[in-house]
């Protein structure tokens, strides 16, 4: 059965975490996804306290975002976070603009770098992969895309596919699911508002209330991928209760 999770980054502007976890659980979510600023600096006691809060709300954290610096420079801390919180799949979520390569060779090398960083986590039993934004789908001088080069350089990387960012990058998500579905182990589920709407929410929408054809996409993802986790995300919601309740209601119809 496909279950719907909640990316806690969506609620970063609605502290405290304890209230967010209660809200998420109340709305029927069974798992959440963590992100670096939530746990990267916590000691073991802090991580155990977070795990206790998850447990108290009947929630798990099977997936998490871990920044490239943490993955490369503090692997013992990353492994402690993953073990303590029960993470099963680790995804590197982003590369800041001033570090991004400008040509195919540079992105291929970044794919190799990611794969090298991921080896210790794969060896420890974790799924390891990349989470996309929009910049990975902008054509490079040779006509290829950063996303293609990342996967060419790191052929063992898996992919947490953020479908709405694929669309915002100008690419066809169905074509990418067809070509790279074997790599997709998790999916970010978010929606894009009609042009000119929800400008105070950066043009994003609650799932089922935007323009992304989620019913057809879910069908394609189920047919072409082995994705275990579907995770709600909204980068800048105004109302977290509205987002949580309306999005899961829509997802449950797909």
Protein backbone atom coordinates (compact mmCIF):
# COMPACT_ATOMS: atom_id res chain seq x y z
CA UNK A 1 0.00 0.00 0.00
CA UNK A 2 1.25 3.49 -0.85
CA UNK A 3 1.52 5.74 2.18
CA UNK A 4 1.80 9.50 2.22
CA UNK A 5 4.48 11.23 4.26
CA UNK A 6 5.11 14.84 5.24
CA UNK A 7 8.37 16.72 4.58
CA UNK A 8 8.97 18.65 7.79
CA UNK A 9 10.71 21.43 5.85
CA UNK A 10 7.20 22.46 4.82
CA UNK A 11 6.49 23.35 8.46
CA UNK A 12 9.77 25.10 9.29
CA UNK A 13 7.92 28.42 9.77
CA UNK A 14 5.35 26.91 12.13
CA UNK A 15 7.24 25.88 15.29
CA UNK A 16 7.39 24.11 17.64
CA UNK A 17 8.10 20.70 16.13
CA UNK A 18 6.03 18.98 18.82
CA UNK A 19 2.89 20.76 17.58
CA UNK A 20 3.71 19.97 13.95
CA UNK A 21 4.08 16.27 14.69
CA UNK A 22 0.71 16.22 16.47
CA UNK A 23 -0.91 18.02 13.54
CA UNK A 24 0.61 15.68 10.98
CA UNK A 25 -0.44 12.57 12.90
CA UNK A 26 -3.95 13.93 13.48
CA UNK A 27 -4.39 14.32 9.73
CA UNK A 28 -3.51 10.69 9.06
CA UNK A 29 0.15 10.81 8.01
CA UNK A 30 2.21 7.83 9.13
CA UNK A 31 5.71 9.07 8.30
CA UNK A 32 7.67 12.29 8.01
CA UNK A 33 10.83 13.28 6.19
CA UNK A 34 13.60 15.14 7.98
CA UNK A 35 15.98 17.80 6.69
CA UNK A 36 19.41 19.00 7.71
CA UNK A 37 18.59 22.06 9.80
CA UNK A 38 16.20 19.95 11.87
CA UNK A 39 18.79 17.54 13.19
CA UNK A 40 22.29 18.12 11.82
CA UNK A 41 23.56 19.84 14.99
CA UNK A 42 21.79 17.68 17.60
CA UNK A 43 23.78 15.50 19.95
CA UNK A 44 22.76 11.95 20.72
CA UNK A 45 20.44 13.02 23.54
CA UNK A 46 18.69 15.52 21.27
CA UNK A 47 18.25 12.93 18.55
CA UNK A 48 16.82 10.44 21.05
CA UNK A 49 14.38 13.09 22.26
CA UNK A 50 13.26 13.69 18.68
CA UNK A 51 12.82 9.96 18.15
CA UNK A 52 10.71 9.78 21.31
CA UNK A 53 8.44 12.51 19.96
CA UNK A 54 8.05 10.65 16.68
CA UNK A 55 7.22 7.45 18.52
CA UNK A 56 4.71 9.22 20.79
CA UNK A 57 2.82 10.43 17.72
CA UNK A 58 2.91 7.08 15.92
CA UNK A 59 5.21 8.48 13.25
CA UNK A 60 8.35 7.12 11.58
CA UNK A 61 11.07 8.97 9.64
CA UNK A 62 12.10 6.52 6.91
CA UNK A 63 13.61 9.18 4.67
CA UNK A 64 15.81 12.18 5.35
CA UNK A 65 17.68 14.98 3.59
CA UNK A 66 21.37 15.25 4.45
CA UNK A 67 23.48 18.09 3.05
CA UNK A 68 26.62 17.33 1.07
CA UNK A 69 28.87 18.87 3.76
CA UNK A 70 27.41 16.67 6.50
CA UNK A 71 27.64 13.59 4.30
CA UNK A 72 31.26 14.18 3.34
CA UNK A 73 32.74 15.86 6.40
CA UNK A 74 30.77 14.36 9.30
CA UNK A 75 29.84 10.83 8.26
CA UNK A 76 29.73 9.54 11.84
CA UNK A 77 27.22 12.24 12.75
CA UNK A 78 25.15 11.46 9.66
CA UNK A 79 25.11 7.78 10.54
CA UNK A 80 24.16 8.57 14.15
CA UNK A 81 21.25 10.69 12.93
CA UNK A 82 20.04 8.02 10.56
CA UNK A 83 20.33 5.20 13.09
CA UNK A 84 18.71 7.09 15.96
CA UNK A 85 15.79 8.44 13.96
CA UNK A 86 15.15 5.22 12.03
CA UNK A 87 16.01 6.63 8.62
CA UNK A 88 16.23 4.03 5.84
CA UNK A 89 16.90 6.25 2.80
CA UNK A 90 19.32 9.17 2.72
CA UNK A 91 18.97 11.82 0.00
CA UNK A 92 21.34 14.67 -0.74
CA UNK A 93 18.88 17.50 -1.40
CA UNK A 94 20.62 20.41 -3.11
CA UNK A 95 23.75 22.11 -4.38
CA UNK A 96 23.99 25.85 -3.79
CA UNK A 97 24.21 28.02 -6.87
CA UNK A 98 27.82 29.13 -6.49
CA UNK A 99 28.98 25.50 -6.34
CA UNK A 100 27.13 24.28 -9.41
CA UNK A 101 29.17 23.20 -12.44
CA UNK A 102 28.53 24.87 -15.78
CA UNK A 103 29.25 22.03 -18.18
CA UNK A 104 28.61 18.32 -18.67
CA UNK A 105 32.02 17.25 -17.39
CA UNK A 106 31.51 19.18 -14.18
CA UNK A 107 28.14 17.58 -13.48
CA UNK A 108 29.49 14.14 -14.35
CA UNK A 109 32.25 14.74 -11.79
CA UNK A 110 29.65 15.83 -9.25
CA UNK A 111 27.77 12.57 -9.84
CA UNK A 112 31.00 10.69 -9.12
CA UNK A 113 31.51 12.78 -5.99
CA UNK A 114 28.00 12.00 -4.78
CA UNK A 115 28.45 8.30 -5.45
CA UNK A 116 31.74 8.30 -3.55
CA UNK A 117 30.12 10.07 -0.60
CA UNK A 118 27.26 7.61 -0.68
CA UNK A 119 29.33 4.44 -0.55
CA UNK A 120 29.76 4.43 3.23
CA UNK A 121 26.00 4.83 3.68
CA UNK A 122 25.14 2.15 1.16
CA UNK A 123 27.67 -0.15 2.84
CA UNK A 124 25.87 0.52 6.13
CA UNK A 125 22.60 -0.64 4.58
CA UNK A 126 20.99 2.66 3.59
CA UNK A 127 19.41 3.64 0.30
CA UNK A 128 21.34 6.66 -0.99
CA UNK A 129 20.45 9.13 -3.70
CA UNK A 130 19.85 12.60 -5.04
CA UNK A 131 16.83 14.90 -4.71
CA UNK A 132 16.33 17.34 -7.59
CA UNK A 133 15.26 20.93 -8.00
CA UNK A 134 14.69 22.70 -11.33
CA UNK A 135 18.27 23.58 -12.32
CA UNK A 136 19.12 19.96 -13.14
CA UNK A 137 16.84 20.08 -16.19
CA UNK A 138 18.29 23.18 -17.88
CA UNK A 139 20.24 22.25 -21.00
CA UNK A 140 24.03 22.43 -20.83
CA UNK A 141 26.21 23.64 -23.72
CA UNK A 142 26.45 20.10 -25.13
CA UNK A 143 22.66 19.64 -25.02
CA UNK A 144 22.62 17.24 -22.09
CA UNK A 145 21.22 18.10 -18.66
CA UNK A 146 22.83 18.11 -15.21
CA UNK A 147 20.42 15.39 -14.12
CA UNK A 148 21.60 13.05 -16.88
CA UNK A 149 25.24 13.76 -16.05
CA UNK A 150 24.75 13.22 -12.31
CA UNK A 151 23.34 9.77 -12.96
CA UNK A 152 25.99 8.98 -15.58
CA UNK A 153 28.72 9.85 -13.08
CA UNK A 154 26.96 8.02 -10.24
CA UNK A 155 25.21 5.05 -11.81
CA UNK A 156 24.38 3.51 -8.42
CA UNK A 157 22.63 6.63 -7.12
CA UNK A 158 18.91 6.40 -6.53
CA UNK A 159 16.54 9.32 -7.07
CA UNK A 160 14.00 11.06 -4.90
CA UNK A 161 12.06 12.62 -7.76
CA UNK A 162 10.59 16.03 -6.99
CA UNK A 163 8.07 16.06 -9.81
CA UNK A 164 6.91 19.67 -9.46
CA UNK A 165 10.51 20.87 -9.74
CA UNK A 166 10.96 18.73 -12.86
CA UNK A 167 8.01 20.59 -14.35
CA UNK A 168 9.31 23.97 -13.24
CA UNK A 169 12.60 23.04 -14.87
CA UNK A 170 10.77 22.81 -18.20
CA UNK A 171 10.96 19.02 -18.48
CA UNK A 172 8.33 16.34 -19.05
CA UNK A 173 7.98 14.27 -15.85
CA UNK A 174 6.39 11.35 -17.70
CA UNK A 175 9.41 11.09 -20.00
CA UNK A 176 11.77 11.13 -17.05
CA UNK A 177 9.73 8.48 -15.24
CA UNK A 178 9.88 6.37 -18.39
CA UNK A 179 13.64 6.77 -18.80
CA UNK A 180 14.82 6.79 -15.19
CA UNK A 181 12.01 5.08 -13.30
CA UNK A 182 14.33 2.30 -12.19
CA UNK A 183 16.23 4.85 -10.09
CA UNK A 184 13.22 6.39 -8.35
CA UNK A 185 12.94 5.18 -4.75
CA UNK A 186 10.94 8.11 -3.32
CA UNK A 187 8.79 10.92 -4.69
CA UNK A 188 8.10 14.47 -3.56
CA UNK A 189 4.44 15.24 -4.09
CA UNK A 190 3.64 18.93 -4.39
CA UNK A 191 1.53 21.05 -6.66
CA UNK A 192 1.92 24.17 -8.79
CA UNK A 193 -0.72 26.88 -8.70
CA UNK A 194 -2.19 28.22 -11.94
CA UNK A 195 -0.14 31.05 -13.42
CA UNK A 196 -0.48 34.23 -11.39
CA UNK A 197 -2.10 32.55 -8.38
CA UNK A 198 -0.72 31.90 -4.89
CA UNK A 199 2.06 34.41 -5.43
CA UNK A 200 2.35 34.79 -1.64
CA UNK A 201 3.16 31.06 -1.52
CA UNK A 202 5.77 31.22 -4.30
CA UNK A 203 3.28 29.84 -6.79
CA UNK A 204 2.90 26.47 -5.06
CA UNK A 205 -0.44 24.87 -4.19
CA UNK A 206 -1.85 22.20 -1.92
CA UNK A 207 -1.78 18.79 -3.59
CA UNK A 208 -4.85 18.35 -5.76
CA UNK A 209 -5.48 22.08 -5.93
CA UNK A 210 -2.98 22.98 -8.65
CA UNK A 211 -2.03 22.11 -12.19
CA UNK A 212 0.15 19.01 -11.74
CA UNK A 213 -1.66 15.90 -13.12
CA UNK A 214 -1.09 13.83 -10.00
CA UNK A 215 -3.61 11.09 -10.72
CA UNK A 216 -1.86 10.17 -13.97
CA UNK A 217 1.59 10.68 -12.46
CA UNK A 218 0.89 8.38 -9.52
CA UNK A 219 -0.28 5.72 -11.96
CA UNK A 220 2.92 6.10 -14.00
CA UNK A 221 5.10 6.06 -10.90
CA UNK A 222 3.46 2.91 -9.58
CA UNK A 223 3.87 1.22 -12.96
CA UNK A 224 7.45 2.28 -13.72
CA UNK A 225 9.20 2.65 -10.36
CA UNK A 226 9.76 0.88 -7.08
CA UNK A 227 9.16 4.05 -5.07
CA UNK A 228 8.34 3.19 -1.47
CA UNK A 229 7.73 6.67 -0.18
CA UNK A 230 5.53 9.49 -1.41
CA UNK A 231 6.20 12.67 0.55
CA UNK A 232 4.12 15.86 0.63
CA UNK A 233 6.08 19.07 0.27
CA UNK A 234 5.15 22.72 -0.08
CA UNK A 235 8.06 25.15 -0.01
CA UNK A 236 6.19 28.13 1.48
CA UNK A 237 2.68 27.44 2.78
CA UNK A 238 0.71 30.12 4.63
CA UNK A 239 -1.50 27.65 6.50
CA UNK A 240 0.00 24.35 7.61
CA UNK A 241 -3.31 22.85 8.76
CA UNK A 242 -4.87 23.58 5.38
CA UNK A 243 -1.90 22.12 3.55
CA UNK A 244 -1.82 18.93 5.61
CA UNK A 245 -5.54 18.21 5.52
CA UNK A 246 -6.32 19.08 1.91
CA UNK A 247 -3.24 17.39 0.48
CA UNK A 248 -3.77 14.01 2.13
CA UNK A 249 -7.45 14.08 1.21
CA UNK A 250 -6.50 14.57 -2.45
CA UNK A 251 -3.69 11.99 -2.38
CA UNK A 252 -6.00 9.35 -0.97
CA UNK A 253 -8.14 9.59 -4.12
CA UNK A 254 -5.25 8.73 -6.47
